[in-house]
Amino acid sequence: MPIDIKNIQHMLVTKRGVILKGLAIGGTFGMVGIVASKAFKARSVTEFDGLTATGNATLGSDSHIATLCGRLQPYHSFDPGAFNTILVKFAELVHLNTQVATQAVKVKLSLPRHASLITSDITESIRRLRAKLNVKMGTNSKVMEDFDDIASGMQQSCTDLNFNISMTVTHQFSK
């Protein structure tokens, strides 16, 4: 089954209209929503406004990446677009890794390249966010060191997930 990236992005990114409809319906079913929300929050590391419940669940399935994204959240106001891209693309990468590892998707030689493209988008967004942060906070070395530590962890996570996907594909084709 081919991976439909547009469908995944659509599923992961929160749409303003969906939120407004949800608020209207939520008034009627408010108590059920509160109970469900508390149950979901108990299971997830962090919830992000830029992701739907599915996107948060996907990202939360990798607690290390969810923690890194949570640590990055205070910097989102410097470039909200870059921050949201990081969230969505990490959710895509975690989803792809899970799909490949569980063989829920047909393993193809193009999957490592696809993972690499997702990683490139994450890297570009981290660099954009860092550049904006540097313009505003470049004189504060503690802030920049903290951001660089988070970015380093994210880069390592990208490398690890890419490696896992590549090795799984290699293993499947060597059988």
N, C-alpha and C. Protein backbone atom coordinates (compact mmCIF):
# COMPACT_ATOMS: atom_id res chain seq x y z
N MET A 1 0.85 -1.18 0.00
CA MET A 1 0.00 0.00 0.00
C MET A 1 0.89 1.24 0.00
N PRO A 2 0.80 2.12 -1.02
CA PRO A 2 1.68 3.30 -1.07
C PRO A 2 1.31 4.30 0.02
N ILE A 3 2.29 5.05 0.45
CA ILE A 3 2.09 6.06 1.47
C ILE A 3 1.60 7.33 0.78
N ASP A 4 0.47 7.85 1.23
CA ASP A 4 -0.10 9.07 0.67
C ASP A 4 0.25 10.22 1.60
N ILE A 5 1.34 10.92 1.28
CA ILE A 5 1.86 11.98 2.14
C ILE A 5 0.85 13.10 2.33
N LYS A 6 0.17 13.49 1.27
CA LYS A 6 -0.81 14.58 1.38
C LYS A 6 -1.91 14.20 2.36
N ASN A 7 -2.33 12.94 2.33
CA ASN A 7 -3.36 12.48 3.24
C ASN A 7 -2.85 12.49 4.68
N ILE A 8 -1.61 12.07 4.88
CA ILE A 8 -1.04 12.08 6.22
C ILE A 8 -0.90 13.50 6.73
N GLN A 9 -0.40 14.41 5.88
CA GLN A 9 -0.26 15.80 6.30
C GLN A 9 -1.62 16.39 6.63
N HIS A 10 -2.61 16.09 5.79
CA HIS A 10 -3.96 16.60 6.04
C HIS A 10 -4.49 16.07 7.36
N MET A 11 -4.19 14.82 7.65
CA MET A 11 -4.65 14.19 8.87
C MET A 11 -3.93 14.77 10.09
N LEU A 12 -2.65 15.13 9.94
CA LEU A 12 -1.85 15.57 11.07
C LEU A 12 -2.00 17.04 11.40
N VAL A 13 -2.21 17.86 10.41
CA VAL A 13 -2.24 19.30 10.62
C VAL A 13 -3.63 19.74 11.07
N THR A 14 -3.68 20.53 12.12
CA THR A 14 -4.95 21.02 12.63
C THR A 14 -5.48 22.10 11.70
N LYS A 15 -6.71 21.98 11.32
CA LYS A 15 -7.37 22.98 10.49
C LYS A 15 -8.27 23.85 11.36
N ARG A 16 -8.24 25.14 11.14
CA ARG A 16 -9.00 26.08 11.94
C ARG A 16 -10.50 25.78 11.88
N GLY A 17 -11.01 25.42 10.70
CA GLY A 17 -12.44 25.11 10.55
C GLY A 17 -12.83 23.90 11.37
N VAL A 18 -11.96 22.92 11.45
CA VAL A 18 -12.24 21.73 12.24
C VAL A 18 -12.32 22.10 13.72
N ILE A 19 -11.46 22.99 14.14
CA ILE A 19 -11.47 23.42 15.54
C ILE A 19 -12.78 24.12 15.86
N LEU A 20 -13.22 25.03 14.99
CA LEU A 20 -14.46 25.76 15.23
C LEU A 20 -15.67 24.83 15.26
N LYS A 21 -15.72 23.88 14.33
CA LYS A 21 -16.81 22.90 14.34
C LYS A 21 -16.75 22.07 15.61
N GLY A 22 -15.54 21.71 16.00
CA GLY A 22 -15.37 20.91 17.21
C GLY A 22 -15.83 21.65 18.45
N LEU A 23 -15.59 22.97 18.47
CA LEU A 23 -16.05 23.77 19.61
C LEU A 23 -17.58 23.83 19.66
N ALA A 24 -18.20 23.95 18.49
CA ALA A 24 -19.66 24.00 18.44
C ALA A 24 -20.25 22.67 18.91
N ILE A 25 -19.70 21.58 18.43
CA ILE A 25 -20.19 20.26 18.84
C ILE A 25 -19.79 19.98 20.28
N GLY A 26 -18.63 20.50 20.67
CA GLY A 26 -18.12 20.26 22.02
C GLY A 26 -19.02 20.81 23.11
N GLY A 27 -19.76 21.89 22.81
CA GLY A 27 -20.70 22.43 23.79
C GLY A 27 -21.76 21.41 24.14
N THR A 28 -22.18 20.65 23.14
CA THR A 28 -23.22 19.63 23.36
C THR A 28 -22.65 18.41 24.06
N PHE A 29 -21.47 18.00 23.64
CA PHE A 29 -20.87 16.79 24.18
C PHE A 29 -19.65 17.12 25.04
N GLY A 30 -19.69 18.23 25.74
CA GLY A 30 -18.54 18.72 26.50
C GLY A 30 -18.01 17.74 27.53
N MET A 31 -18.88 17.13 28.28
CA MET A 31 -18.42 16.25 29.35
C MET A 31 -17.69 15.03 28.78
N VAL A 32 -18.20 14.46 27.71
CA VAL A 32 -17.54 13.31 27.08
C VAL A 32 -16.16 13.73 26.57
N GLY A 33 -16.07 14.92 25.97
CA GLY A 33 -14.80 15.42 25.46
C GLY A 33 -13.78 15.63 26.57
N ILE A 34 -14.23 16.13 27.70
CA ILE A 34 -13.31 16.38 28.82
C ILE A 34 -12.76 15.06 29.35
N VAL A 35 -13.62 14.07 29.50
CA VAL A 35 -13.17 12.77 29.99
C VAL A 35 -12.19 12.14 29.00
N ALA A 36 -12.52 12.18 27.71
CA ALA A 36 -11.64 11.60 26.68
C ALA A 36 -10.31 12.35 26.63
N SER A 37 -10.38 13.68 26.76
CA SER A 37 -9.17 14.49 26.72
C SER A 37 -8.24 14.14 27.87
N LYS A 38 -8.80 13.99 29.06
CA LYS A 38 -7.97 13.65 30.21
C LYS A 38 -7.35 12.27 30.05
N ALA A 39 -8.08 11.33 29.48
CA ALA A 39 -7.55 9.99 29.26
C ALA A 39 -6.41 10.04 28.25
N PHE A 40 -6.56 10.84 27.19
CA PHE A 40 -5.51 10.94 26.16
C PHE A 40 -4.28 11.62 26.73
N LYS A 41 -4.47 12.68 27.52
CA LYS A 41 -3.34 13.40 28.08
C LYS A 41 -2.54 12.53 29.03
N ALA A 42 -3.20 11.61 29.70
CA ALA A 42 -2.49 10.74 30.62
C ALA A 42 -1.52 9.83 29.86
N ARG A 43 -1.83 9.51 28.59
CA ARG A 43 -0.99 8.62 27.82
C ARG A 43 0.10 9.34 27.06
N SER A 44 -0.09 10.60 26.68
CA SER A 44 0.87 11.27 25.81
C SER A 44 1.88 12.08 26.61
N VAL A 45 3.05 12.29 26.01
CA VAL A 45 4.10 13.07 26.65
C VAL A 45 3.73 14.54 26.62
N THR A 46 3.40 15.05 25.47
CA THR A 46 3.04 16.44 25.27
C THR A 46 2.05 16.52 24.13
N GLU A 47 1.10 17.45 24.23
CA GLU A 47 0.18 17.68 23.12
C GLU A 47 0.55 19.01 22.48
N PHE A 48 0.51 19.03 21.16
CA PHE A 48 0.89 20.22 20.41
C PHE A 48 -0.33 20.76 19.68
N ASP A 49 -0.51 22.07 19.73
CA ASP A 49 -1.64 22.71 19.07
C ASP A 49 -1.58 22.55 17.55
N GLY A 50 -0.39 22.41 16.98
CA GLY A 50 -0.24 22.30 15.54
C GLY A 50 -0.56 20.93 14.98
N LEU A 51 -0.94 19.98 15.85
CA LEU A 51 -1.24 18.63 15.40
C LEU A 51 -2.62 18.21 15.89
N THR A 52 -3.25 17.33 15.14
CA THR A 52 -4.52 16.75 15.56
C THR A 52 -4.24 15.69 16.62
N ALA A 53 -5.29 15.07 17.11
CA ALA A 53 -5.13 13.99 18.09
C ALA A 53 -4.33 12.84 17.48
N THR A 54 -4.57 12.55 16.20
CA THR A 54 -3.82 11.49 15.53
C THR A 54 -2.35 11.85 15.42
N GLY A 55 -2.07 13.09 15.03
CA GLY A 55 -0.68 13.55 14.93
C GLY A 55 0.01 13.53 16.28
N ASN A 56 -0.69 13.95 17.34
CA ASN A 56 -0.11 13.92 18.68
C ASN A 56 0.14 12.48 19.13
N ALA A 57 -0.79 11.59 18.82
CA ALA A 57 -0.60 10.18 19.19
C ALA A 57 0.59 9.58 18.45
N THR A 58 0.72 9.92 17.17
CA THR A 58 1.84 9.41 16.37
C THR A 58 3.16 9.93 16.92
N LEU A 59 3.23 11.23 17.16
CA LEU A 59 4.45 11.82 17.70
C LEU A 59 4.73 11.30 19.11
N GLY A 60 3.68 11.14 19.90
CA GLY A 60 3.82 10.65 21.27
C GLY A 60 4.26 9.20 21.36
N SER A 61 4.14 8.46 20.26
CA SER A 61 4.56 7.06 20.29
C SER A 61 6.09 6.94 20.38
N ASP A 62 6.79 8.01 20.06
CA ASP A 62 8.25 8.06 20.27
C ASP A 62 8.51 9.13 21.33
N SER A 63 8.62 8.69 22.57
CA SER A 63 8.70 9.64 23.69
C SER A 63 9.94 10.54 23.61
N HIS A 64 11.03 10.03 23.06
CA HIS A 64 12.24 10.86 22.95
C HIS A 64 12.00 12.04 22.01
N ILE A 65 11.42 11.77 20.85
CA ILE A 65 11.14 12.85 19.89
C ILE A 65 10.07 13.79 20.44
N ALA A 66 9.05 13.24 21.08
CA ALA A 66 8.01 14.09 21.67
C ALA A 66 8.61 15.02 22.73
N THR A 67 9.55 14.51 23.51
CA THR A 67 10.21 15.33 24.52
C THR A 67 11.04 16.44 23.88
N LEU A 68 11.78 16.09 22.81
CA LEU A 68 12.56 17.11 22.11
C LEU A 68 11.64 18.20 21.53
N CYS A 69 10.53 17.79 20.94
CA CYS A 69 9.59 18.77 20.39
C CYS A 69 8.98 19.62 21.50
N GLY A 70 8.73 19.00 22.65
CA GLY A 70 8.24 19.76 23.80
C GLY A 70 9.26 20.77 24.29
N ARG A 71 10.53 20.39 24.29
CA ARG A 71 11.59 21.33 24.68
C ARG A 71 11.72 22.47 23.67
N LEU A 72 11.39 22.19 22.41
CA LEU A 72 11.50 23.21 21.36
C LEU A 72 10.31 24.18 21.39
N GLN A 73 9.22 23.77 22.01
CA GLN A 73 7.99 24.56 21.97
C GLN A 73 8.15 26.02 22.42
N PRO A 74 8.94 26.34 23.43
CA PRO A 74 9.09 27.76 23.81
C PRO A 74 9.64 28.65 22.69
N TYR A 75 10.27 28.03 21.69
CA TYR A 75 10.86 28.80 20.59
C TYR A 75 9.93 28.94 19.40
N HIS A 76 8.75 28.37 19.49
CA HIS A 76 7.85 28.35 18.33
C HIS A 76 7.43 29.74 17.88
N SER A 77 7.36 30.70 18.79
CA SER A 77 6.90 32.04 18.43
C SER A 77 7.89 32.78 17.51
N PHE A 78 9.13 32.33 17.45
CA PHE A 78 10.10 32.97 16.57
C PHE A 78 9.83 32.66 15.10
N ASP A 79 9.28 31.49 14.81
CA ASP A 79 8.86 31.11 13.46
C ASP A 79 7.84 29.98 13.57
N PRO A 80 6.56 30.33 13.79
CA PRO A 80 5.54 29.30 13.98
C PRO A 80 5.43 28.32 12.80
N GLY A 81 5.64 28.81 11.59
CA GLY A 81 5.58 27.93 10.41
C GLY A 81 6.65 26.86 10.45
N ALA A 82 7.87 27.26 10.78
CA ALA A 82 8.97 26.30 10.87
C ALA A 82 8.72 25.30 11.99
N PHE A 83 8.23 25.79 13.13
CA PHE A 83 7.96 24.91 14.26
C PHE A 83 6.89 23.87 13.90
N ASN A 84 5.81 24.32 13.26
CA ASN A 84 4.74 23.39 12.88
C ASN A 84 5.22 22.39 11.83
N THR A 85 6.08 22.84 10.92
CA THR A 85 6.65 21.91 9.93
C THR A 85 7.48 20.83 10.63
N ILE A 86 8.25 21.22 11.63
CA ILE A 86 9.04 20.26 12.40
C ILE A 86 8.12 19.21 13.03
N LEU A 87 7.04 19.67 13.65
CA LEU A 87 6.10 18.74 14.28
C LEU A 87 5.49 17.77 13.27
N VAL A 88 4.97 18.32 12.17
CA VAL A 88 4.29 17.49 11.17
C VAL A 88 5.26 16.51 10.54
N LYS A 89 6.44 16.98 10.19
CA LYS A 89 7.41 16.10 9.52
C LYS A 89 7.93 15.03 10.47
N PHE A 90 8.13 15.37 11.75
CA PHE A 90 8.54 14.33 12.70
C PHE A 90 7.44 13.29 12.85
N ALA A 91 6.18 13.74 12.89
CA ALA A 91 5.07 12.79 12.98
C ALA A 91 5.07 11.88 11.74
N GLU A 92 5.32 12.45 10.57
CA GLU A 92 5.40 11.65 9.34
C GLU A 92 6.54 10.64 9.42
N LEU A 93 7.71 11.08 9.90
CA LEU A 93 8.87 10.21 9.96
C LEU A 93 8.65 9.08 10.96
N VAL A 94 8.08 9.39 12.11
CA VAL A 94 7.78 8.36 13.12
C VAL A 94 6.75 7.39 12.54
N HIS A 95 5.75 7.92 11.86
CA HIS A 95 4.72 7.07 11.24
C HIS A 95 5.35 6.14 10.20
N LEU A 96 6.20 6.70 9.34
CA LEU A 96 6.86 5.90 8.32
C LEU A 96 7.72 4.81 8.94
N ASN A 97 8.48 5.16 9.97
CA ASN A 97 9.32 4.18 10.65
C ASN A 97 8.47 3.05 11.24
N THR A 98 7.37 3.41 11.86
CA THR A 98 6.48 2.41 12.44
C THR A 98 5.89 1.51 11.36
N GLN A 99 5.46 2.13 10.26
CA GLN A 99 4.87 1.36 9.16
C GLN A 99 5.89 0.38 8.57
N VAL A 100 7.11 0.83 8.39
CA VAL A 100 8.15 -0.03 7.82
C VAL A 100 8.52 -1.14 8.81
N ALA A 101 8.68 -0.78 10.08
CA ALA A 101 9.08 -1.77 11.09
C ALA A 101 8.03 -2.85 11.28
N THR A 102 6.77 -2.49 11.20
CA THR A 102 5.69 -3.47 11.39
C THR A 102 5.25 -4.10 10.08
N GLN A 103 5.90 -3.72 9.00
CA GLN A 103 5.58 -4.20 7.65
C GLN A 103 4.13 -3.93 7.28
N ALA A 104 3.61 -2.79 7.75
CA ALA A 104 2.25 -2.38 7.42
C ALA A 104 2.20 -1.70 6.06
N VAL A 105 3.36 -1.43 5.50
CA VAL A 105 3.48 -0.82 4.18
C VAL A 105 4.40 -1.72 3.35
N LYS A 106 4.13 -1.77 2.06
CA LYS A 106 4.99 -2.58 1.20
C LYS A 106 6.38 -1.95 1.19
N VAL A 107 7.37 -2.75 1.52
CA VAL A 107 8.75 -2.27 1.58
C VAL A 107 9.28 -2.11 0.16
N LYS A 108 9.67 -0.87 -0.15
CA LYS A 108 10.20 -0.55 -1.48
C LYS A 108 11.57 0.11 -1.30
N LEU A 109 12.36 0.02 -2.34
CA LEU A 109 13.68 0.64 -2.30
C LEU A 109 13.61 2.17 -2.20
N SER A 110 12.48 2.76 -2.51
CA SER A 110 12.34 4.21 -2.46
C SER A 110 12.05 4.73 -1.05
N LEU A 111 11.76 3.88 -0.11
CA LEU A 111 11.41 4.33 1.25
C LEU A 111 12.55 5.07 1.96
N PRO A 112 13.81 4.61 1.87
CA PRO A 112 14.87 5.39 2.51
C PRO A 112 15.00 6.80 1.92
N ARG A 113 14.78 6.92 0.61
CA ARG A 113 14.83 8.25 -0.03
C ARG A 113 13.69 9.11 0.48
N HIS A 114 12.53 8.52 0.63
CA HIS A 114 11.38 9.26 1.16
C HIS A 114 11.66 9.75 2.58
N ALA A 115 12.25 8.88 3.42
CA ALA A 115 12.61 9.27 4.78
C ALA A 115 13.64 10.39 4.76
N SER A 116 14.56 10.32 3.82
CA SER A 116 15.59 11.36 3.68
C SER A 116 14.97 12.72 3.32
N LEU A 117 13.97 12.70 2.47
CA LEU A 117 13.29 13.95 2.10
C LEU A 117 12.55 14.56 3.29
N ILE A 118 11.93 13.72 4.09
CA ILE A 118 11.26 14.22 5.30
C ILE A 118 12.29 14.82 6.24
N THR A 119 13.42 14.14 6.40
CA THR A 119 14.49 14.64 7.25
C THR A 119 15.04 15.97 6.75
N SER A 120 15.15 16.12 5.44
CA SER A 120 15.62 17.38 4.87
C SER A 120 14.68 18.53 5.22
N ASP A 121 13.38 18.26 5.20
CA ASP A 121 12.40 19.29 5.58
C ASP A 121 12.54 19.65 7.05
N ILE A 122 12.79 18.66 7.89
CA ILE A 122 12.98 18.93 9.32
C ILE A 122 14.23 19.78 9.52
N THR A 123 15.32 19.40 8.89
CA THR A 123 16.58 20.12 9.02
C THR A 123 16.44 21.56 8.55
N GLU A 124 15.80 21.75 7.40
CA GLU A 124 15.59 23.10 6.88
C GLU A 124 14.77 23.95 7.85
N SER A 125 13.74 23.36 8.44
CA SER A 125 12.90 24.10 9.38
C SER A 125 13.64 24.43 10.66
N ILE A 126 14.47 23.51 11.14
CA ILE A 126 15.28 23.80 12.33
C ILE A 126 16.22 24.96 12.04
N ARG A 127 16.83 24.96 10.86
CA ARG A 127 17.75 26.05 10.50
C ARG A 127 17.02 27.39 10.38
N ARG A 128 15.82 27.36 9.79
CA ARG A 128 15.02 28.61 9.70
C ARG A 128 14.69 29.14 11.09
N LEU A 129 14.25 28.24 11.97
CA LEU A 129 13.90 28.64 13.33
C LEU A 129 15.12 29.16 14.07
N ARG A 130 16.26 28.53 13.89
CA ARG A 130 17.48 28.98 14.55
C ARG A 130 17.91 30.35 14.04
N ALA A 131 17.78 30.58 12.74
CA ALA A 131 18.16 31.87 12.16
C ALA A 131 17.31 33.00 12.74
N LYS A 132 16.01 32.76 12.86
CA LYS A 132 15.12 33.78 13.45
C LYS A 132 15.44 33.99 14.92
N LEU A 133 15.71 32.89 15.63
CA LEU A 133 16.07 32.98 17.04
C LEU A 133 17.38 33.75 17.20
N ASN A 134 18.34 33.51 16.33
CA ASN A 134 19.63 34.18 16.40
C ASN A 134 19.51 35.68 16.20
N VAL A 135 18.59 36.10 15.32
CA VAL A 135 18.38 37.53 15.09
C VAL A 135 17.87 38.20 16.35
N LYS A 136 16.95 37.54 17.06
CA LYS A 136 16.34 38.13 18.25
C LYS A 136 17.15 37.90 19.52
N MET A 137 17.78 36.72 19.64
CA MET A 137 18.40 36.35 20.90
C MET A 137 19.87 36.00 20.77
N GLY A 138 20.51 36.37 19.67
CA GLY A 138 21.89 35.98 19.42
C GLY A 138 22.87 36.39 20.50
N THR A 139 22.55 37.44 21.24
CA THR A 139 23.45 37.89 22.30
C THR A 139 23.31 37.05 23.57
N ASN A 140 22.26 36.24 23.66
CA ASN A 140 22.05 35.40 24.83
C ASN A 140 22.58 34.00 24.53
N SER A 141 23.80 33.75 24.94
CA SER A 141 24.45 32.48 24.60
C SER A 141 23.76 31.28 25.27
N LYS A 142 23.16 31.47 26.42
CA LYS A 142 22.47 30.36 27.11
C LYS A 142 21.27 29.89 26.29
N VAL A 143 20.52 30.81 25.74
CA VAL A 143 19.36 30.46 24.91
C VAL A 143 19.82 29.72 23.66
N MET A 144 20.86 30.24 23.03
CA MET A 144 21.36 29.61 21.81
C MET A 144 21.94 28.22 22.10
N GLU A 145 22.61 28.05 23.23
CA GLU A 145 23.14 26.74 23.59
C GLU A 145 22.02 25.74 23.83
N ASP A 146 20.95 26.19 24.49
CA ASP A 146 19.81 25.31 24.74
C ASP A 146 19.17 24.89 23.41
N PHE A 147 18.97 25.85 22.52
CA PHE A 147 18.38 25.54 21.22
C PHE A 147 19.27 24.57 20.45
N ASP A 148 20.56 24.81 20.45
CA ASP A 148 21.49 23.94 19.72
C ASP A 148 21.50 22.53 20.29
N ASP A 149 21.33 22.41 21.60
CA ASP A 149 21.26 21.08 22.23
C ASP A 149 20.00 20.34 21.74
N ILE A 150 18.89 21.03 21.70
CA ILE A 150 17.64 20.44 21.21
C ILE A 150 17.79 20.06 19.74
N ALA A 151 18.32 20.98 18.95
CA ALA A 151 18.48 20.74 17.51
C ALA A 151 19.41 19.54 17.26
N SER A 152 20.45 19.42 18.06
CA SER A 152 21.37 18.30 17.94
C SER A 152 20.65 16.98 18.22
N GLY A 153 19.83 16.96 19.23
CA GLY A 153 19.05 15.77 19.55
C GLY A 153 18.08 15.41 18.44
N MET A 154 17.48 16.43 17.83
CA MET A 154 16.55 16.20 16.72
C MET A 154 17.28 15.64 15.51
N GLN A 155 18.45 16.19 15.23
CA GLN A 155 19.24 15.69 14.10
C GLN A 155 19.64 14.23 14.32
N GLN A 156 20.02 13.92 15.55
CA GLN A 156 20.40 12.54 15.85
C GLN A 156 19.20 11.61 15.72
N SER A 157 18.03 12.06 16.13
CA SER A 157 16.82 11.26 15.99
C SER A 157 16.49 11.02 14.52
N CYS A 158 16.66 12.05 13.70
CA CYS A 158 16.44 11.90 12.26
C CYS A 158 17.40 10.85 11.69
N THR A 159 18.67 10.95 12.08
CA THR A 159 19.68 10.00 11.61
C THR A 159 19.31 8.58 12.03
N ASP A 160 18.90 8.42 13.28
CA ASP A 160 18.54 7.10 13.79
C ASP A 160 17.34 6.51 13.05
N LEU A 161 16.30 7.32 12.84
CA LEU A 161 15.10 6.83 12.14
C LEU A 161 15.42 6.48 10.69
N ASN A 162 16.22 7.33 10.04
CA ASN A 162 16.63 7.04 8.66
C ASN A 162 17.41 5.73 8.59
N PHE A 163 18.29 5.52 9.55
CA PHE A 163 19.08 4.30 9.59
C PHE A 163 18.17 3.08 9.78
N ASN A 164 17.21 3.20 10.71
CA ASN A 164 16.29 2.08 10.96
C ASN A 164 15.50 1.73 9.70
N ILE A 165 15.01 2.73 9.01
CA ILE A 165 14.24 2.49 7.79
C ILE A 165 15.13 1.86 6.73
N SER A 166 16.32 2.40 6.54
CA SER A 166 17.25 1.86 5.54
C SER A 166 17.62 0.42 5.84
N MET A 167 17.91 0.12 7.08
CA MET A 167 18.30 -1.24 7.45
C MET A 167 17.14 -2.22 7.28
N THR A 168 15.94 -1.80 7.61
CA THR A 168 14.78 -2.67 7.44
C THR A 168 14.56 -2.97 5.97
N VAL A 169 14.67 -1.94 5.13
CA VAL A 169 14.51 -2.14 3.69
C VAL A 169 15.61 -3.06 3.16
N THR A 170 16.84 -2.81 3.57
CA THR A 170 17.96 -3.65 3.13
C THR A 170 17.75 -5.10 3.56
N HIS A 171 17.32 -5.28 4.78
CA HIS A 171 17.07 -6.63 5.29
C HIS A 171 15.96 -7.33 4.50
N GLN A 172 14.90 -6.60 4.19
CA GLN A 172 13.78 -7.20 3.44
C GLN A 172 14.20 -7.63 2.04
N PHE A 173 15.05 -6.83 1.43
CA PHE A 173 15.47 -7.17 0.05
C PHE A 173 16.63 -8.17 0.00
N SER A 174 17.26 -8.43 1.12
CA SER A 174 18.35 -9.40 1.14
C SER A 174 17.85 -10.83 1.40
N LYS A 175 16.59 -10.97 1.69
CA LYS A 175 16.02 -12.30 1.97
C LYS A 175 15.97 -13.13 0.72
